[in-house]
Amino acid sequence: MLRLAFKQLSRQSFSQKMKIYELLFERGQKFFNLNQYQNAIDQLETCMSVFADAKQSKRWEDTKFEDLNCRHYPEQQQIKVCFQDLWNRLFELMGKCYYVLHEQAACTKMCDYWQQLNPLCAGAFILRAQVLNFQINKSRFLSEQVTQLDCQMICKDLKFAQQLDPLNEGITKVYEMVKTQLKRFEEQDSDKELYDQQDTTQYDVYEDEELPQDFMAQFAYQDNDQELSYELDPKKPIPKEVQELGRFIETRGMEMVKTYQQNGQIKEAEDLKDKLQKALIAKKQLEKISQLDFNRPKKKLYQFAQKFGIDLLDPQVQNEFKRIQEQNLEDIREWLKQNQWSIVDKATQIQQQEKARQELAKLQFKRKMIPQKVIEIRQVIFQHAKHKCIKKVALSMHQNSSSPLTMNKSVSSELGSVQLNNSCNILGVQILQLKVMMNLFVI
């Protein structure tokens, strides 16, 4: 019976569809409580297709979030709250099932749907953060690799969730775990810097005459060695483009990754995440290079240079190092500029496509609603004109009936029929004029 009803879904009213939805959702919830998550997903995906604009069941993946609400019904104003509760329960349960089944992309999409429907729902942020937090939990999606950018995205979600629900111990626990992982990334960066610093003592020199030239060449092409050769001066300003890049990665870049994930473009999301990770590394490197203080060489570097008879405090040597620094800064700036603008162009293109799609959805909504309003206006005007004309005819006939008794009844009858015909003709002309006006209004 349910299968037959689903096949005839397009002919069903909203109340009939609601009954089908509740029956499917109840089945899915029972399977979920029995830990039969795959069976639960089968029922819930079919349940979602009841109201999604899909030709077949389980084809909701091809739709956007806005498409889920593009099916408008005459009584939608009364069922608006019901619709929101309907999607809320479904997105939450489907997200949990996908999470247990290790389907990362589908789970993330459900969380995005849930968050767009209810922006102040802490549960959506927590579940989405847990999806990205699989490597930290040691039991979710072990084939993937968590990056520093992933941890930053998780922290952003959990921080917002903690603001919405400050008493939730689960949020605090996961938030602390992610911050610990983020701290490990920073420690790894620090260990790498220390390792690079130790490598400066391993240069092999073969010809004494070319020692100063080789020494300068080493520092010209070893960026990490340059970073660890001098003390950093925090008072030195960081280039403007570096600060803009950092803001771009933290805001627009992460939003683009989420947009790709929402649209099911997992490969594009991973590629963009890799680019942002490389840009983040280049940003940190550029910050350190731009703050080198050539008047304060580190002890190891100073001793290493003295072995080759080079005085690092000599103004001529300092100018040479500054020239190398500027060259390295220029190279990194050029790389950042090329990659940043390519990402910005892609982001602009995505935003324009999203805006065009939203405008098209609004236009389709207007095209669906205007004909219904025109029909209602036509009916009201027609009924009003008809009632007004009939009232006039009745009034004139009443006046004729109150004339002197000496009037011939046949003449009175003919006069009444003539007036009735004239009134009907006037009514026909008025209706014709109204139809012309309404057609012009529709056009």
Protein backbone atom coordinates (compact mmCIF):
# COMPACT_ATOMS: atom_id res chain seq x y z
CA MET A 1 0.00 0.00 0.00
CA LEU A 2 2.83 2.38 0.90
CA ARG A 3 4.68 1.55 -2.32
CA LEU A 4 1.56 2.34 -4.38
CA ALA A 5 1.09 5.61 -2.50
CA PHE A 6 4.72 6.58 -3.15
CA LYS A 7 4.31 5.97 -6.90
CA GLN A 8 1.30 8.29 -6.93
CA LEU A 9 3.10 10.87 -4.79
CA SER A 10 2.68 13.73 -7.27
CA ARG A 11 -1.10 13.45 -6.96
CA GLN A 12 -1.13 13.43 -3.17
CA SER A 13 -2.08 16.42 -1.04
CA PHE A 14 0.21 17.77 1.65
CA SER A 15 -1.66 15.96 4.44
CA GLN A 16 -1.40 12.65 2.54
CA LYS A 17 2.32 13.18 1.96
CA MET A 18 2.73 14.01 5.63
CA LYS A 19 1.23 10.65 6.61
CA ILE A 20 3.61 8.83 4.24
CA TYR A 21 6.53 10.83 5.67
CA GLU A 22 5.62 10.02 9.28
CA LEU A 23 5.28 6.31 8.51
CA LEU A 24 8.69 6.16 6.78
CA PHE A 25 10.34 8.26 9.49
CA GLU A 26 8.93 6.00 12.21
CA ARG A 27 10.35 2.95 10.44
CA GLY A 28 13.75 4.60 10.11
CA GLN A 29 13.76 5.59 13.77
CA LYS A 30 12.97 2.01 14.82
CA PHE A 31 15.89 0.67 12.75
CA PHE A 32 18.13 3.37 14.29
CA ASN A 33 17.16 2.33 17.82
CA LEU A 34 17.96 -1.29 16.88
CA ASN A 35 21.43 -0.19 15.62
CA GLN A 36 20.48 -1.25 12.07
CA TYR A 37 21.85 1.95 10.57
CA GLN A 38 21.91 0.92 6.91
CA ASN A 39 18.24 -0.10 7.02
CA ALA A 40 17.48 3.15 8.81
CA ILE A 41 19.23 5.16 6.08
CA ASP A 42 17.25 3.34 3.36
CA GLN A 43 13.99 4.36 5.02
CA LEU A 44 15.11 7.92 5.78
CA GLU A 45 16.42 8.58 2.26
CA THR A 46 13.08 7.48 0.85
CA CYS A 47 11.38 9.60 3.50
CA MET A 48 13.37 12.64 2.40
CA SER A 49 12.27 12.11 -1.20
CA VAL A 50 8.63 12.57 -0.21
CA PHE A 51 9.03 16.35 -0.07
CA ALA A 52 12.29 16.83 -2.02
CA ASP A 53 11.93 17.82 -5.66
CA ALA A 54 13.28 14.50 -7.00
CA LYS A 55 11.86 12.28 -9.75
CA GLN A 56 12.96 9.10 -7.99
CA SER A 57 13.52 8.12 -4.39
CA LYS A 58 17.07 8.44 -3.04
CA ARG A 59 17.85 11.11 -5.65
CA TRP A 60 17.98 13.92 -3.08
CA GLU A 61 21.79 14.12 -3.47
CA ASP A 62 21.25 16.03 -6.73
CA THR A 63 19.27 18.78 -4.99
CA LYS A 64 20.37 21.89 -3.10
CA PHE A 65 19.11 22.95 0.30
CA GLU A 66 16.83 25.59 -1.25
CA ASP A 67 15.30 22.94 -3.54
CA LEU A 68 13.97 21.09 -0.51
CA ASN A 69 11.58 23.96 0.16
CA CYS A 70 10.68 24.83 -3.44
CA ARG A 71 7.48 22.76 -3.38
CA HIS A 72 4.87 25.31 -2.37
CA TYR A 73 1.39 24.42 -1.22
CA PRO A 74 -1.67 26.68 -0.76
CA GLU A 75 -1.67 26.07 2.99
CA GLN A 76 2.08 26.55 3.41
CA GLN A 77 1.70 29.57 5.68
CA GLN A 78 -0.07 27.36 8.21
CA ILE A 79 2.46 24.52 7.92
CA LYS A 80 5.67 26.57 8.00
CA VAL A 81 6.55 25.53 11.55
CA CYS A 82 5.61 21.94 10.76
CA PHE A 83 7.96 21.97 7.76
CA GLN A 84 10.89 23.22 9.86
CA ASP A 85 10.38 20.56 12.51
CA LEU A 86 10.05 17.93 9.76
CA TRP A 87 13.45 18.72 8.24
CA ASN A 88 15.09 19.26 11.64
CA ARG A 89 14.35 15.74 12.85
CA LEU A 90 15.26 14.17 9.52
CA PHE A 91 18.62 15.95 9.10
CA GLU A 92 19.67 15.11 12.66
CA LEU A 93 18.82 11.41 12.40
CA MET A 94 20.34 11.00 8.92
CA GLY A 95 23.52 12.78 10.02
CA LYS A 96 23.95 10.42 12.97
CA CYS A 97 23.39 7.36 10.75
CA TYR A 98 25.94 8.53 8.19
CA TYR A 99 28.40 9.27 10.98
CA VAL A 100 28.16 5.71 12.35
CA LEU A 101 28.42 4.29 8.80
CA HIS A 102 31.64 6.34 8.21
CA GLU A 103 30.13 8.19 5.23
CA GLN A 104 31.94 11.45 5.80
CA ALA A 105 30.71 13.47 2.80
CA ALA A 106 27.05 12.57 3.32
CA CYS A 107 27.26 13.27 7.05
CA THR A 108 28.83 16.67 6.42
CA LYS A 109 26.10 17.52 3.92
CA MET A 110 23.36 16.64 6.40
CA CYS A 111 25.07 18.82 9.03
CA ASP A 112 25.23 21.70 6.55
CA TYR A 113 21.52 21.26 5.74
CA TRP A 114 20.76 21.18 9.46
CA GLN A 115 22.86 24.26 10.17
CA GLN A 116 21.29 26.24 7.29
CA LEU A 117 17.82 25.37 8.53
CA ASN A 118 18.65 26.30 12.13
CA PRO A 119 21.78 28.52 12.33
CA LEU A 120 21.66 28.59 16.14
CA CYS A 121 21.56 24.81 16.61
CA ALA A 122 24.64 23.67 18.53
CA GLY A 123 24.05 20.01 17.59
CA ALA A 124 24.78 20.66 13.91
CA PHE A 125 28.14 22.29 14.71
CA ILE A 126 29.08 19.50 17.13
CA LEU A 127 28.30 16.69 14.68
CA ARG A 128 30.08 18.43 11.81
CA ALA A 129 33.12 18.99 14.02
CA GLN A 130 33.10 15.32 15.02
CA VAL A 131 33.11 14.34 11.34
CA LEU A 132 36.29 16.35 10.79
CA ASN A 133 37.65 15.13 14.11
CA PHE A 134 37.78 11.48 13.02
CA GLN A 135 41.58 11.16 13.23
CA ILE A 136 41.66 12.50 16.78
CA ASN A 137 39.00 10.01 17.94
CA LYS A 138 41.13 7.16 16.48
CA SER A 139 37.97 5.35 15.42
CA ARG A 140 36.41 7.31 12.57
CA PHE A 141 37.51 7.41 8.92
CA LEU A 142 41.05 6.20 9.64
CA SER A 143 41.98 6.23 5.95
CA GLU A 144 41.95 10.04 5.92
CA GLN A 145 44.53 12.52 7.17
CA VAL A 146 43.74 15.48 9.39
CA THR A 147 45.60 18.71 8.60
CA GLN A 148 46.19 21.86 10.56
CA LEU A 149 43.53 23.57 8.46
CA ASP A 150 41.02 20.86 9.44
CA CYS A 151 41.72 21.52 13.11
CA GLN A 152 41.19 25.23 12.60
CA MET A 153 37.82 24.57 10.93
CA ILE A 154 36.83 22.23 13.78
CA CYS A 155 37.81 24.82 16.39
CA LYS A 156 35.73 27.44 14.59
CA ASP A 157 32.61 25.23 14.67
CA LEU A 158 33.11 24.13 18.27
CA LYS A 159 33.80 27.66 19.48
CA PHE A 160 30.48 28.82 18.03
CA ALA A 161 28.70 25.76 19.44
CA GLN A 162 30.18 26.47 22.87
CA GLN A 163 28.82 30.02 22.73
CA LEU A 164 25.35 28.64 21.96
CA ASP A 165 25.49 25.99 24.68
CA PRO A 166 28.15 26.92 27.29
CA LEU A 167 26.99 24.23 29.78
CA ASN A 168 27.41 21.32 27.37
CA GLU A 169 30.26 19.15 28.66
CA GLY A 170 30.47 17.19 25.40
CA ILE A 171 31.35 20.33 23.44
CA THR A 172 33.99 21.32 25.97
CA LYS A 173 35.57 17.86 25.90
CA VAL A 174 35.84 17.68 22.11
CA TYR A 175 36.99 21.31 21.95
CA GLU A 176 39.87 20.56 24.33
CA MET A 177 40.86 17.51 22.25
CA VAL A 178 40.99 19.57 19.07
CA LYS A 179 42.98 22.34 20.72
CA THR A 180 45.45 19.69 21.93
CA GLN A 181 45.84 18.40 18.38
CA LEU A 182 46.30 21.94 17.08
CA LYS A 183 48.99 22.48 19.70
CA ARG A 184 50.75 19.33 18.45
CA PHE A 185 50.86 20.80 14.97
CA GLU A 186 52.50 23.92 16.37
CA GLU A 187 55.02 21.81 18.30
CA GLN A 188 55.83 19.86 15.13
CA ASP A 189 56.51 23.15 13.37
CA SER A 190 58.79 24.17 16.24
CA ASP A 191 60.64 20.82 16.13
CA LYS A 192 61.09 21.19 12.39
CA GLU A 193 62.61 24.63 12.88
CA LEU A 194 65.01 23.21 15.48
CA TYR A 195 65.97 20.39 13.13
CA ASP A 196 66.63 22.85 10.32
CA GLN A 197 68.74 24.92 12.68
CA GLN A 198 70.91 21.93 13.51
CA ASP A 199 71.36 21.16 9.82
CA THR A 200 73.25 24.41 9.32
CA THR A 201 76.35 22.75 10.86
CA GLN A 202 76.42 20.00 8.22
CA TYR A 203 77.65 21.98 5.22
CA ASP A 204 80.51 20.34 3.34
CA VAL A 205 83.11 22.71 1.93
CA TYR A 206 85.48 21.46 -0.77
CA GLU A 207 87.46 24.50 -2.03
CA ASP A 208 88.83 27.13 0.31
CA GLU A 209 88.78 29.85 -2.36
CA GLU A 210 85.04 29.49 -2.91
CA LEU A 211 84.07 29.18 0.76
CA PRO A 212 82.55 32.68 1.19
CA GLN A 213 80.65 32.38 -2.12
CA ASP A 214 79.32 28.91 -1.22
CA PHE A 215 78.35 30.15 2.21
CA MET A 216 76.30 32.99 0.72
CA ALA A 217 74.72 30.65 -1.82
CA GLN A 218 73.64 28.29 0.94
CA PHE A 219 71.73 31.09 2.63
CA ALA A 220 70.37 32.37 -0.65
CA TYR A 221 68.53 29.12 -1.38
CA GLN A 222 67.89 27.72 2.11
CA ASP A 223 64.85 29.65 3.36
CA ASN A 224 64.52 27.67 6.57
CA ASP A 225 68.21 28.25 7.37
CA GLN A 226 67.72 31.98 6.88
CA GLU A 227 64.77 31.95 9.25
CA LEU A 228 66.89 30.36 11.98
CA SER A 229 70.04 32.36 11.41
CA TYR A 230 68.96 35.61 13.10
CA GLU A 231 66.81 36.64 16.00
CA LEU A 232 63.29 37.80 15.19
CA ASP A 233 62.20 41.36 15.83
CA PRO A 234 58.45 41.33 16.64
CA LYS A 235 58.31 45.12 16.23
CA LYS A 236 59.00 44.86 12.51
CA PRO A 237 55.76 45.20 10.52
CA ILE A 238 54.41 42.18 8.67
CA PRO A 239 53.66 42.88 4.99
CA LYS A 240 50.06 43.84 4.27
CA GLU A 241 49.50 41.08 1.71
CA VAL A 242 50.51 38.46 4.32
CA GLN A 243 47.88 39.72 6.77
CA GLU A 244 45.25 39.75 4.01
CA LEU A 245 46.16 36.19 3.09
CA GLY A 246 45.70 35.06 6.69
CA ARG A 247 42.26 36.65 6.89
CA PHE A 248 41.36 35.10 3.54
CA ILE A 249 42.32 31.58 4.67
CA GLU A 250 40.44 31.84 7.98
CA THR A 251 37.21 33.22 6.50
CA ARG A 252 36.60 33.00 2.79
CA GLY A 253 38.86 30.02 2.16
CA MET A 254 37.14 27.85 4.78
CA GLU A 255 33.71 28.94 3.54
CA MET A 256 34.67 27.83 0.02
CA VAL A 257 35.75 24.40 1.31
CA LYS A 258 32.38 24.01 3.04
CA THR A 259 30.56 25.17 -0.12
CA TYR A 260 32.31 22.47 -2.16
CA GLN A 261 31.40 19.87 0.47
CA GLN A 262 27.77 20.99 0.51
CA ASN A 263 27.59 20.63 -3.28
CA GLY A 264 29.11 17.14 -3.11
CA GLN A 265 32.36 18.25 -4.81
CA ILE A 266 34.67 16.33 -2.49
CA LYS A 267 37.69 16.29 -4.84
CA GLU A 268 37.52 20.07 -5.36
CA ALA A 269 37.20 20.55 -1.59
CA GLU A 270 40.32 18.44 -0.93
CA ASP A 271 42.31 20.24 -3.65
CA LEU A 272 41.36 23.63 -2.25
CA LYS A 273 42.19 22.48 1.28
CA ASP A 274 45.69 21.45 0.11
CA LYS A 275 46.21 24.84 -1.53
CA LEU A 276 45.11 26.65 1.60
CA GLN A 277 47.43 24.48 3.70
CA LYS A 278 50.39 25.37 1.46
CA ALA A 279 49.41 29.03 1.56
CA LEU A 280 49.28 28.85 5.36
CA ILE A 281 52.82 27.43 5.48
CA ALA A 282 54.07 30.10 3.07
CA LYS A 283 52.38 32.78 5.17
CA LYS A 284 54.18 31.65 8.35
CA GLN A 285 57.49 31.49 6.52
CA LEU A 286 57.04 34.96 5.09
CA GLU A 287 56.16 36.38 8.51
CA LYS A 288 59.41 35.07 9.99
CA ILE A 289 61.58 36.18 7.09
CA SER A 290 60.12 39.68 7.18
CA GLN A 291 61.01 40.03 10.90
CA LEU A 292 64.66 38.93 10.77
CA ASP A 293 66.99 41.30 12.63
CA PHE A 294 70.40 41.28 10.91
CA ASN A 295 71.96 43.14 13.82
CA ARG A 296 71.37 40.13 16.09
CA PRO A 297 72.77 36.93 14.56
CA LYS A 298 72.27 33.78 16.57
CA LYS A 299 75.25 32.33 18.40
CA LYS A 300 75.61 29.22 16.22
CA LEU A 301 75.43 31.23 13.04
CA TYR A 302 77.97 33.74 14.31
CA GLN A 303 80.43 30.97 15.23
CA PHE A 304 79.80 29.19 11.95
CA ALA A 305 80.52 32.37 9.97
CA GLN A 306 83.71 33.10 11.93
CA LYS A 307 85.18 29.77 10.79
CA PHE A 308 85.19 31.15 7.26
CA GLY A 309 86.39 34.60 8.21
CA ILE A 310 83.02 36.32 7.72
CA ASP A 311 81.95 39.09 10.08
CA LEU A 312 78.15 39.10 10.20
CA LEU A 313 78.17 42.56 11.80
CA ASP A 314 79.99 44.06 8.82
CA PRO A 315 77.60 46.54 7.06
CA GLN A 316 78.56 45.16 3.65
CA VAL A 317 77.69 41.60 4.71
CA GLN A 318 74.44 42.78 6.29
CA ASN A 319 73.45 44.58 3.10
CA GLU A 320 74.09 41.41 1.12
CA PHE A 321 71.88 39.40 3.45
CA LYS A 322 69.18 42.06 3.22
CA ARG A 323 69.31 41.82 -0.56
CA ILE A 324 68.89 38.04 -0.36
CA GLN A 325 66.03 38.53 2.10
CA GLU A 326 64.24 40.94 -0.23
CA GLN A 327 64.68 38.52 -3.12
CA ASN A 328 63.19 35.67 -1.10
CA LEU A 329 60.34 37.87 0.07
CA GLU A 330 59.62 38.89 -3.50
CA ASP A 331 59.58 35.26 -4.67
CA ILE A 332 57.17 34.24 -1.92
CA ARG A 333 54.99 37.31 -2.52
CA GLU A 334 54.74 36.40 -6.19
CA TRP A 335 53.75 32.82 -5.34
CA LEU A 336 51.15 34.01 -2.85
CA LYS A 337 49.78 36.55 -5.30
CA GLN A 338 49.34 34.01 -8.09
CA ASN A 339 47.73 31.35 -5.89
CA GLN A 340 45.65 33.81 -3.90
CA TRP A 341 44.18 35.46 -6.99
CA SER A 342 43.38 32.09 -8.56
CA ILE A 343 41.54 31.12 -5.37
CA VAL A 344 39.79 34.50 -5.18
CA ASP A 345 38.65 34.22 -8.81
CA LYS A 346 37.26 30.75 -8.09
CA ALA A 347 35.51 32.03 -4.97
CA THR A 348 33.96 34.89 -6.91
CA GLN A 349 32.77 32.48 -9.59
CA ILE A 350 31.18 30.19 -6.98
CA GLN A 351 29.43 33.13 -5.31
CA GLN A 352 28.09 34.39 -8.65
CA GLN A 353 26.77 30.93 -9.53
CA GLU A 354 25.13 30.63 -6.10
CA LYS A 355 23.56 34.08 -6.45
CA ALA A 356 22.26 33.30 -9.95
CA ARG A 357 20.76 30.03 -8.71
CA GLN A 358 19.00 31.81 -5.85
CA GLU A 359 17.62 34.46 -8.21
CA LEU A 360 16.35 31.74 -10.53
CA ALA A 361 14.65 29.99 -7.61
CA LYS A 362 12.95 33.26 -6.61
CA LEU A 363 11.81 33.85 -10.19
CA GLN A 364 10.37 30.34 -10.42
CA PHE A 365 8.58 30.89 -7.13
CA LYS A 366 7.03 34.13 -8.43
CA ARG A 367 5.95 32.45 -11.65
CA LYS A 368 4.21 29.76 -9.62
CA MET A 369 2.50 32.16 -7.23
CA ILE A 370 1.38 34.96 -9.64
CA PRO A 371 -1.05 32.84 -11.75
CA GLN A 372 -2.76 31.62 -8.57
CA LYS A 373 -3.15 35.18 -7.33
CA VAL A 374 -4.48 36.33 -10.72
CA ILE A 375 -7.12 33.58 -10.70
CA GLU A 376 -8.22 34.56 -7.21
CA ILE A 377 -8.43 38.26 -8.20
CA ARG A 378 -10.42 37.39 -11.31
CA GLN A 379 -12.92 35.38 -9.30
CA VAL A 380 -13.37 38.14 -6.72
CA ILE A 381 -13.87 40.86 -9.38
CA PHE A 382 -16.25 38.70 -11.39
CA GLN A 383 -18.38 37.87 -8.36
CA HIS A 384 -18.44 41.52 -7.29
CA ALA A 385 -19.47 42.76 -10.76
CA LYS A 386 -22.11 40.06 -11.12
CA HIS A 387 -23.61 40.83 -7.72
CA LYS A 388 -23.63 44.57 -8.46
CA CYS A 389 -25.37 44.13 -11.83
CA ILE A 390 -28.02 41.78 -10.46
CA LYS A 391 -28.72 44.27 -7.70
CA LYS A 392 -29.24 47.06 -10.25
CA VAL A 393 -31.64 44.93 -12.33
CA ALA A 394 -33.65 43.98 -9.26
CA LEU A 395 -33.87 47.62 -8.20
CA SER A 396 -35.10 48.81 -11.61
CA MET A 397 -37.70 46.02 -11.80
CA HIS A 398 -38.93 46.98 -8.35
CA GLN A 399 -39.36 50.61 -9.48
CA ASN A 400 -41.30 49.51 -12.57
CA SER A 401 -43.62 47.37 -10.46
CA SER A 402 -44.53 50.44 -8.36
CA SER A 403 -45.83 52.42 -11.45
CA PRO A 404 -49.60 53.34 -11.82
CA LEU A 405 -52.04 50.42 -12.11
CA THR A 406 -53.37 51.76 -15.39
CA MET A 407 -50.12 50.74 -17.14
CA ASN A 408 -50.51 47.85 -19.48
CA LYS A 409 -49.02 44.66 -18.06
CA SER A 410 -47.60 43.60 -21.41
CA VAL A 411 -45.83 46.92 -21.88
CA SER A 412 -44.42 46.68 -18.37
CA SER A 413 -43.18 43.15 -19.05
CA GLU A 414 -41.52 44.16 -22.30
CA LEU A 415 -39.89 47.15 -20.63
CA GLY A 416 -38.53 44.93 -17.86
CA SER A 417 -37.12 42.42 -20.33
CA VAL A 418 -35.47 45.19 -22.35
CA GLN A 419 -33.84 46.61 -19.21
CA LEU A 420 -32.71 43.13 -18.19
CA ASN A 421 -31.14 42.56 -21.61
CA ASN A 422 -29.44 45.95 -21.47
CA SER A 423 -28.10 45.19 -17.99
CA CYS A 424 -26.82 41.79 -19.14
CA ASN A 425 -25.13 43.42 -22.13
CA ILE A 426 -23.49 45.95 -19.82
CA LEU A 427 -22.39 43.10 -17.55
CA GLY A 428 -20.88 41.25 -20.53
CA VAL A 429 -18.97 44.36 -21.61
CA GLN A 430 -17.68 44.89 -18.05
CA ILE A 431 -16.54 41.27 -17.77
CA LEU A 432 -14.82 41.50 -21.17
CA GLN A 433 -13.02 44.67 -20.08
CA LEU A 434 -11.95 42.98 -16.85
CA LYS A 435 -10.57 39.97 -18.73
CA VAL A 436 -8.57 42.26 -21.03
CA MET A 437 -7.19 44.14 -18.03
CA MET A 438 -6.22 40.92 -16.24
CA ASN A 439 -4.53 39.51 -19.35
CA LEU A 440 -2.52 42.72 -19.64
CA PHE A 441 -1.66 42.40 -15.94
CA VAL A 442 -0.37 38.84 -16.44
CA ILE A 443 1.66 39.88 -19.47
